[in-house]
Amino acid sequence: MKKSGGAEKKKARRSSASVQNGSRDPSSDTPPRKQAAKKDVFQLFAEKVRDHKDLVSRWAVLQETRVEYFRGKDFVSFMKNHPELKEILDSNRNLETEDIANNLLQKNLLVRSDRVVKTVRPGKKKLSTWPAHLEIFPEQVFSENDAFFAWTFVKRRPLWQTLLSFFWPVLTLAICLFPVYPHRCKLLILYSCAGVLLLILSLLLLRAAIFGAAWIVLGKRVWFFPNILAEEATLRELFRFCPKKDEEERPKWTARLFYAIVAVLVILLLRHHAPDEAARARYQKRMSNIIDDVLEWSPSLALSGMMEKQTVVNATENNNKFSNESKATSETLISADETGSFEQHQNDTM
């Protein structure tokens, strides 16, 4: 009887559990672990927006940390042009742009920042559009008016960056093994590097000459490839050809005349002290010898040079040892002769 009562209790428990499972919300069929592992929709939305090319952003330093940031008005215009991104938010797709940004701020996916330098620098008409240094704003609320928002999460690394991280050690090892390369490979690497270096220097000199000529003649600041020397520019911005809009005041004609005279004097001075043909030939020969020494070096030559050096050292040591032995023998003979002559003198005296 006891066994049958225990079996009935087990059946009752199973039936109650099945009723509870049957009344469970179908949306909760996903196991709890999978629900916890599922990303937040705002996190997915932030990653999608950050990876989008149409959202204009820049890099700056926020409390000694390099961050990527955008302006509030750019975010509003971006959401107007791409309303389909709101579909990622599921049930929150009907939220306004301001509410979406405030949710991102509350979830610490964004942080509102402000420019460090709040005064106009001398010679400029207004503040910088994209400041290079930021600080955290006290009120973390979205705004369009002169507000900057920095991403706080780490951006997903694309595949090419992962491959590049594995490629750098290989490149470093290849650079270290340059002396053992074949002669043709050395020539190819040498002329390729020299060509790239010459291209960079020519580009910098050309843009400086264009800037100087436009500044002196027209009084305008024209920088082609404006971000070529920027430290915090992306690869696309680095090779942008179009110059920036000149937002500074026009220089005075006295300053332009002064720098024009200085430029003419520098050109005349360099022309007067230019090296002659003999000096140029000597310098070219010296550089050719250095390059030939680098290109013609090989491990066999190095080992043969070390063996020859070791042979010379051994020969020198042998010569020194022989000279020391001969010197000691001669000293012994001289002392023996002196002793014999002294004894003979004493015998003669006796």
Protein backbone atom coordinates (compact mmCIF):
# COMPACT_ATOMS: atom_id res chain seq x y z
CA MET A 1 0.00 0.00 0.00
CA LYS A 2 2.84 2.37 0.78
CA LYS A 3 4.43 1.74 -2.58
CA SER A 4 1.20 2.44 -4.47
CA GLY A 5 0.71 5.70 -2.51
CA GLY A 6 4.23 6.85 -3.37
CA ALA A 7 3.66 6.09 -7.04
CA GLU A 8 0.45 8.12 -7.04
CA LYS A 9 2.27 11.09 -5.52
CA LYS A 10 4.96 10.91 -8.26
CA LYS A 11 2.25 10.78 -10.96
CA ALA A 12 0.56 13.81 -9.43
CA ARG A 13 3.81 15.74 -9.44
CA ARG A 14 4.49 14.86 -13.08
CA SER A 15 0.98 15.85 -14.10
CA SER A 16 1.23 19.19 -12.29
CA ALA A 17 4.62 19.84 -13.93
CA SER A 18 3.18 19.04 -17.34
CA VAL A 19 0.27 21.42 -16.73
CA GLN A 20 2.69 24.17 -15.74
CA ASN A 21 4.82 23.52 -18.82
CA GLY A 22 1.73 23.59 -20.99
CA SER A 23 0.65 26.94 -19.58
CA ARG A 24 4.12 28.45 -20.03
CA ASP A 25 4.49 31.39 -22.38
CA PRO A 26 5.66 30.16 -25.80
CA SER A 27 8.09 33.08 -25.97
CA SER A 28 9.96 31.61 -23.01
CA ASP A 29 10.86 28.34 -24.72
CA THR A 30 14.45 29.52 -25.09
CA PRO A 31 16.65 28.19 -22.30
CA PRO A 32 17.76 30.79 -19.70
CA ARG A 33 21.40 30.45 -20.65
CA LYS A 34 20.67 31.24 -24.30
CA GLN A 35 18.53 34.20 -23.26
CA ALA A 36 21.38 35.55 -21.16
CA ALA A 37 23.84 35.01 -23.99
CA LYS A 38 21.62 36.91 -26.42
CA LYS A 39 22.88 40.44 -27.08
CA ASP A 40 20.92 43.51 -26.16
CA VAL A 41 19.13 45.10 -29.12
CA PHE A 42 20.65 48.47 -28.29
CA GLN A 43 24.11 46.88 -28.35
CA LEU A 44 23.41 45.47 -31.81
CA PHE A 45 22.01 48.82 -32.92
CA ALA A 46 25.11 50.66 -31.65
CA GLU A 47 27.46 48.28 -33.45
CA LYS A 48 25.49 48.63 -36.68
CA VAL A 49 25.44 52.42 -36.49
CA ARG A 50 29.13 52.63 -35.66
CA ASP A 51 30.11 50.43 -38.61
CA HIS A 52 27.95 52.46 -41.01
CA LYS A 53 29.94 54.69 -43.38
CA ASP A 54 27.39 57.49 -43.57
CA LEU A 55 27.75 58.52 -39.92
CA VAL A 56 30.53 61.10 -39.88
CA SER A 57 32.92 60.51 -37.01
CA ARG A 58 36.39 61.48 -35.90
CA TRP A 59 39.00 60.37 -33.37
CA ALA A 60 39.99 62.38 -30.32
CA VAL A 61 41.61 62.01 -26.89
CA LEU A 62 39.17 61.70 -23.99
CA GLN A 63 40.91 61.63 -20.61
CA GLU A 64 44.11 60.10 -22.03
CA THR A 65 42.10 57.57 -24.04
CA ARG A 66 41.70 57.62 -27.81
CA VAL A 67 38.00 57.41 -28.70
CA GLU A 68 35.80 57.66 -31.77
CA TYR A 69 33.07 60.29 -31.54
CA PHE A 70 30.35 62.01 -33.58
CA ARG A 71 28.24 65.13 -33.32
CA GLY A 72 24.64 65.18 -32.15
CA LYS A 73 23.31 66.90 -35.25
CA ASP A 74 25.05 64.37 -37.48
CA PHE A 75 23.36 61.54 -35.58
CA VAL A 76 19.91 63.13 -36.08
CA SER A 77 20.44 63.57 -39.82
CA PHE A 78 21.84 60.05 -40.07
CA MET A 79 18.74 58.54 -38.46
CA LYS A 80 16.50 60.56 -40.78
CA ASN A 81 18.32 59.17 -43.82
CA HIS A 82 18.43 55.59 -42.50
CA PRO A 83 15.17 54.83 -40.65
CA GLU A 84 15.51 51.14 -41.52
CA LEU A 85 18.10 50.75 -38.76
CA LYS A 86 15.35 51.14 -36.18
CA GLU A 87 14.10 47.68 -37.13
CA ILE A 88 17.00 46.26 -35.10
CA LEU A 89 15.39 47.61 -31.93
CA ASP A 90 12.35 45.29 -32.28
CA SER A 91 9.76 46.57 -29.82
CA ASN A 92 11.57 49.92 -29.46
CA ARG A 93 11.54 50.68 -33.16
CA ASN A 94 9.00 53.49 -32.72
CA LEU A 95 11.19 55.50 -30.38
CA GLU A 96 12.33 58.96 -31.39
CA THR A 97 15.95 59.64 -32.21
CA GLU A 98 16.46 61.53 -28.97
CA ASP A 99 15.02 58.66 -26.92
CA ILE A 100 17.23 56.13 -28.71
CA ALA A 101 20.31 58.21 -27.97
CA ASN A 102 19.29 58.58 -24.31
CA ASN A 103 18.90 54.79 -24.06
CA LEU A 104 22.39 54.38 -25.49
CA LEU A 105 23.67 56.82 -22.87
CA GLN A 106 21.90 54.98 -20.05
CA LYS A 107 23.35 51.64 -21.17
CA ASN A 108 26.86 53.19 -21.23
CA LEU A 109 27.24 52.57 -24.94
CA LEU A 110 27.76 56.30 -25.44
CA VAL A 111 29.18 59.07 -23.31
CA ARG A 112 28.47 62.72 -23.91
CA SER A 113 31.61 64.80 -24.17
CA ASP A 114 32.54 68.43 -24.48
CA ARG A 115 35.49 70.24 -26.01
CA VAL A 116 38.40 71.02 -23.69
CA VAL A 117 39.30 74.31 -25.40
CA LYS A 118 36.19 76.50 -25.24
CA THR A 119 37.72 79.78 -26.43
CA VAL A 120 38.53 80.78 -29.98
CA ARG A 121 42.24 80.60 -30.70
CA PRO A 122 44.01 83.73 -31.96
CA GLY A 123 43.70 84.13 -35.71
CA LYS A 124 40.53 82.01 -36.00
CA LYS A 125 36.92 83.09 -36.38
CA LYS A 126 35.19 80.19 -34.59
CA LEU A 127 35.83 77.06 -32.58
CA SER A 128 37.13 73.92 -34.21
CA THR A 129 34.44 71.77 -35.82
CA TRP A 130 36.13 68.55 -34.69
CA PRO A 131 38.17 69.12 -31.50
CA ALA A 132 41.12 66.84 -30.85
CA HIS A 133 40.72 66.80 -27.06
CA LEU A 134 37.48 66.11 -25.19
CA GLU A 135 36.24 65.86 -21.63
CA ILE A 136 33.16 64.19 -20.12
CA PHE A 137 30.09 66.42 -19.97
CA PRO A 138 28.36 66.59 -16.55
CA GLU A 139 24.82 65.96 -17.86
CA GLN A 140 24.52 62.75 -19.84
CA VAL A 141 21.53 63.80 -21.94
CA PHE A 142 21.29 63.89 -25.73
CA SER A 143 21.46 67.24 -27.48
CA GLU A 144 22.01 68.48 -31.02
CA ASN A 145 23.63 71.81 -30.18
CA ASP A 146 27.42 71.56 -30.08
CA ALA A 147 27.31 68.15 -28.38
CA PHE A 148 29.75 65.31 -28.98
CA PHE A 149 29.17 61.65 -28.21
CA ALA A 150 31.95 59.06 -27.93
CA TRP A 151 31.54 55.31 -28.28
CA THR A 152 32.52 53.44 -25.12
CA PHE A 153 32.55 49.83 -26.36
CA VAL A 154 35.39 48.17 -28.26
CA LYS A 155 34.72 47.97 -31.95
CA ARG A 156 34.69 44.56 -33.56
CA ARG A 157 37.94 43.88 -35.34
CA PRO A 158 37.47 43.11 -39.04
CA LEU A 159 39.06 40.09 -40.66
CA TRP A 160 41.78 42.07 -42.44
CA GLN A 161 43.02 43.51 -39.14
CA THR A 162 43.22 40.01 -37.65
CA LEU A 163 45.20 38.80 -40.64
CA LEU A 164 47.40 41.87 -40.43
CA SER A 165 48.22 41.15 -36.78
CA PHE A 166 49.59 37.77 -37.85
CA PHE A 167 51.40 39.31 -40.80
CA TRP A 168 53.44 41.84 -38.77
CA PRO A 169 55.71 39.25 -37.06
CA VAL A 170 56.36 37.63 -40.43
CA LEU A 171 57.26 41.02 -41.90
CA THR A 172 59.59 41.76 -38.98
CA LEU A 173 61.36 38.44 -39.47
CA ALA A 174 61.65 39.10 -43.20
CA ILE A 175 63.26 42.49 -42.53
CA CYS A 176 65.78 40.89 -40.16
CA LEU A 177 66.69 38.31 -42.82
CA PHE A 178 67.37 40.95 -45.48
CA PRO A 179 71.19 40.39 -45.47
CA VAL A 180 70.80 36.77 -46.59
CA TYR A 181 68.46 37.52 -49.53
CA PRO A 182 69.66 36.95 -53.11
CA HIS A 183 71.24 39.91 -54.86
CA ARG A 184 68.29 40.55 -57.20
CA CYS A 185 65.84 40.48 -54.32
CA LYS A 186 67.98 42.99 -52.44
CA LEU A 187 68.01 45.30 -55.46
CA LEU A 188 64.22 45.05 -55.82
CA ILE A 189 63.61 45.89 -52.15
CA LEU A 190 66.18 48.70 -52.19
CA TYR A 191 64.77 50.45 -55.24
CA SER A 192 61.16 49.95 -54.09
CA CYS A 193 61.83 51.52 -50.70
CA ALA A 194 63.83 54.34 -52.28
CA GLY A 195 61.00 55.00 -54.74
CA VAL A 196 58.35 55.13 -51.99
CA LEU A 197 60.53 57.43 -49.89
CA LEU A 198 61.16 59.71 -52.86
CA LEU A 199 57.42 59.81 -53.60
CA ILE A 200 56.58 60.82 -50.02
CA LEU A 201 59.24 63.54 -49.90
CA SER A 202 58.21 64.87 -53.31
CA LEU A 203 54.56 64.99 -52.23
CA LEU A 204 55.40 66.88 -49.04
CA LEU A 205 57.62 69.37 -50.89
CA LEU A 206 55.02 69.90 -53.63
CA ARG A 207 52.16 70.56 -51.21
CA ALA A 208 54.40 72.92 -49.20
CA ALA A 209 55.34 74.81 -52.39
CA ILE A 210 51.69 75.10 -53.45
CA PHE A 211 50.72 76.31 -49.98
CA GLY A 212 53.51 78.91 -49.94
CA ALA A 213 52.71 80.20 -53.41
CA ALA A 214 48.96 80.44 -52.71
CA TRP A 215 49.55 82.09 -49.35
CA ILE A 216 51.94 84.72 -50.73
CA VAL A 217 50.13 85.47 -53.99
CA LEU A 218 46.45 84.99 -53.08
CA GLY A 219 46.52 85.21 -49.30
CA LYS A 220 44.72 81.84 -48.97
CA ARG A 221 45.73 78.71 -47.12
CA VAL A 222 45.45 75.76 -49.50
CA TRP A 223 46.62 72.38 -48.24
CA PHE A 224 46.27 69.49 -50.66
CA PHE A 225 46.14 66.14 -48.86
CA PRO A 226 45.26 67.97 -45.64
CA ASN A 227 45.37 64.86 -43.43
CA ILE A 228 48.58 63.33 -44.79
CA LEU A 229 50.44 64.15 -41.54
CA ALA A 230 47.51 63.67 -39.15
CA GLU A 231 48.03 61.20 -36.31
CA GLU A 232 44.36 60.45 -35.63
CA ALA A 233 42.96 60.08 -39.16
CA THR A 234 41.53 56.97 -40.74
CA LEU A 235 43.04 55.45 -43.87
CA ARG A 236 40.30 56.97 -46.03
CA GLU A 237 40.79 60.44 -44.54
CA LEU A 238 44.57 60.16 -44.76
CA PHE A 239 44.59 60.18 -48.58
CA ARG A 240 41.80 62.70 -49.08
CA PHE A 241 42.92 65.07 -51.85
CA CYS A 242 40.50 67.97 -51.46
CA PRO A 243 41.84 70.81 -49.32
CA LYS A 244 40.11 72.06 -46.21
CA LYS A 245 38.06 75.22 -46.25
CA ASP A 246 40.07 78.20 -45.04
CA GLU A 247 38.36 79.39 -41.85
CA GLU A 248 41.11 81.69 -40.62
CA GLU A 249 41.58 85.38 -41.22
CA ARG A 250 43.35 86.54 -44.34
CA PRO A 251 47.02 87.35 -43.69
CA LYS A 252 48.25 90.92 -43.93
CA TRP A 253 50.08 92.04 -47.04
CA THR A 254 53.13 93.06 -44.98
CA ALA A 255 53.53 89.50 -43.66
CA ARG A 256 53.11 88.08 -47.14
CA LEU A 257 55.73 90.48 -48.54
CA PHE A 258 58.15 89.65 -45.72
CA TYR A 259 57.92 85.89 -46.27
CA ALA A 260 58.22 86.36 -50.05
CA ILE A 261 61.52 88.21 -49.54
CA VAL A 262 62.72 85.52 -47.11
CA ALA A 263 61.86 82.77 -49.62
CA VAL A 264 63.78 84.53 -52.41
CA LEU A 265 66.82 84.99 -50.15
CA VAL A 266 66.78 81.34 -49.12
CA ILE A 267 66.61 80.20 -52.74
CA LEU A 268 69.52 82.48 -53.72
CA LEU A 269 71.56 81.30 -50.72
CA LEU A 270 71.00 77.64 -51.55
CA ARG A 271 71.91 78.25 -55.18
CA HIS A 272 75.10 80.08 -54.22
CA HIS A 273 76.27 77.32 -51.86
CA ALA A 274 75.22 74.44 -54.07
CA PRO A 275 77.90 71.71 -54.38
CA ASP A 276 79.96 71.60 -57.55
CA GLU A 277 80.29 68.63 -59.86
CA ALA A 278 83.41 67.26 -58.14
CA ALA A 279 81.77 67.31 -54.69
CA ARG A 280 78.66 65.68 -56.08
CA ALA A 281 80.75 62.93 -57.70
CA ARG A 282 82.61 62.27 -54.43
CA TYR A 283 79.36 62.05 -52.48
CA GLN A 284 77.83 59.75 -55.08
CA LYS A 285 80.88 57.47 -55.00
CA ARG A 286 80.78 57.32 -51.21
CA MET A 287 77.09 56.42 -51.17
CA SER A 288 77.61 53.84 -53.93
CA ASN A 289 80.33 52.16 -51.88
CA ILE A 290 78.04 52.01 -48.82
CA ILE A 291 75.18 50.55 -50.85
CA ASP A 292 77.51 48.03 -52.51
CA ASP A 293 78.79 46.90 -49.11
CA VAL A 294 75.23 46.29 -47.96
CA LEU A 295 74.15 44.50 -51.14
CA GLU A 296 77.24 42.33 -51.51
CA TRP A 297 77.30 41.14 -47.92
CA SER A 298 76.67 37.42 -47.46
CA PRO A 299 77.12 34.92 -44.63
CA SER A 300 79.94 33.14 -46.50
CA LEU A 301 81.88 36.39 -46.82
CA ALA A 302 81.28 37.15 -43.18
CA LEU A 303 82.46 33.72 -42.09
CA SER A 304 85.51 33.90 -44.36
CA GLY A 305 86.33 37.32 -42.95
CA MET A 306 86.03 35.97 -39.42
CA MET A 307 88.30 33.02 -40.31
CA GLU A 308 90.87 35.32 -41.86
CA LYS A 309 90.76 37.53 -38.81
CA GLN A 310 91.18 34.50 -36.55
CA THR A 311 94.12 33.32 -38.69
CA VAL A 312 95.79 36.70 -38.43
CA VAL A 313 95.29 36.71 -34.66
CA ASN A 314 96.77 33.23 -34.32
CA ALA A 315 99.75 34.16 -36.50
CA THR A 316 100.34 37.27 -34.43
CA GLU A 317 100.19 35.25 -31.21
CA ASN A 318 102.67 32.69 -32.61
CA ASN A 319 105.05 35.43 -33.69
CA ASN A 320 104.85 37.05 -30.28
CA LYS A 321 105.43 33.70 -28.58
CA PHE A 322 108.43 32.95 -30.83
CA SER A 323 109.91 36.37 -30.24
CA ASN A 324 109.45 35.98 -26.48
CA GLU A 325 111.16 32.56 -26.52
CA SER A 326 114.08 33.84 -28.64
CA LYS A 327 114.44 36.81 -26.34
CA ALA A 328 114.50 34.57 -23.27
CA THR A 329 117.11 32.27 -24.91
CA SER A 330 119.33 35.20 -25.82
CA GLU A 331 119.08 36.57 -22.30
CA THR A 332 120.06 33.14 -20.91
CA LEU A 333 123.09 32.95 -23.22
CA ILE A 334 124.16 36.45 -22.31
CA SER A 335 123.92 35.70 -18.58
CA ALA A 336 125.92 32.45 -19.07
CA ASP A 337 128.64 34.31 -20.99
CA GLU A 338 128.81 36.97 -18.32
CA THR A 339 129.14 34.30 -15.60
CA GLY A 340 131.92 32.46 -17.50
CA SER A 341 133.89 35.64 -18.12
CA PHE A 342 133.57 36.62 -14.48
CA GLU A 343 134.94 33.21 -13.32
CA GLN A 344 137.80 33.42 -15.83
CA HIS A 345 138.71 36.86 -14.52
CA GLN A 346 138.85 35.56 -10.97
CA ASN A 347 141.16 32.69 -12.05
CA ASP A 348 143.48 35.08 -13.79
CA THR A 349 143.63 37.22 -10.67
CA MET A 350 144.52 34.21 -8.53
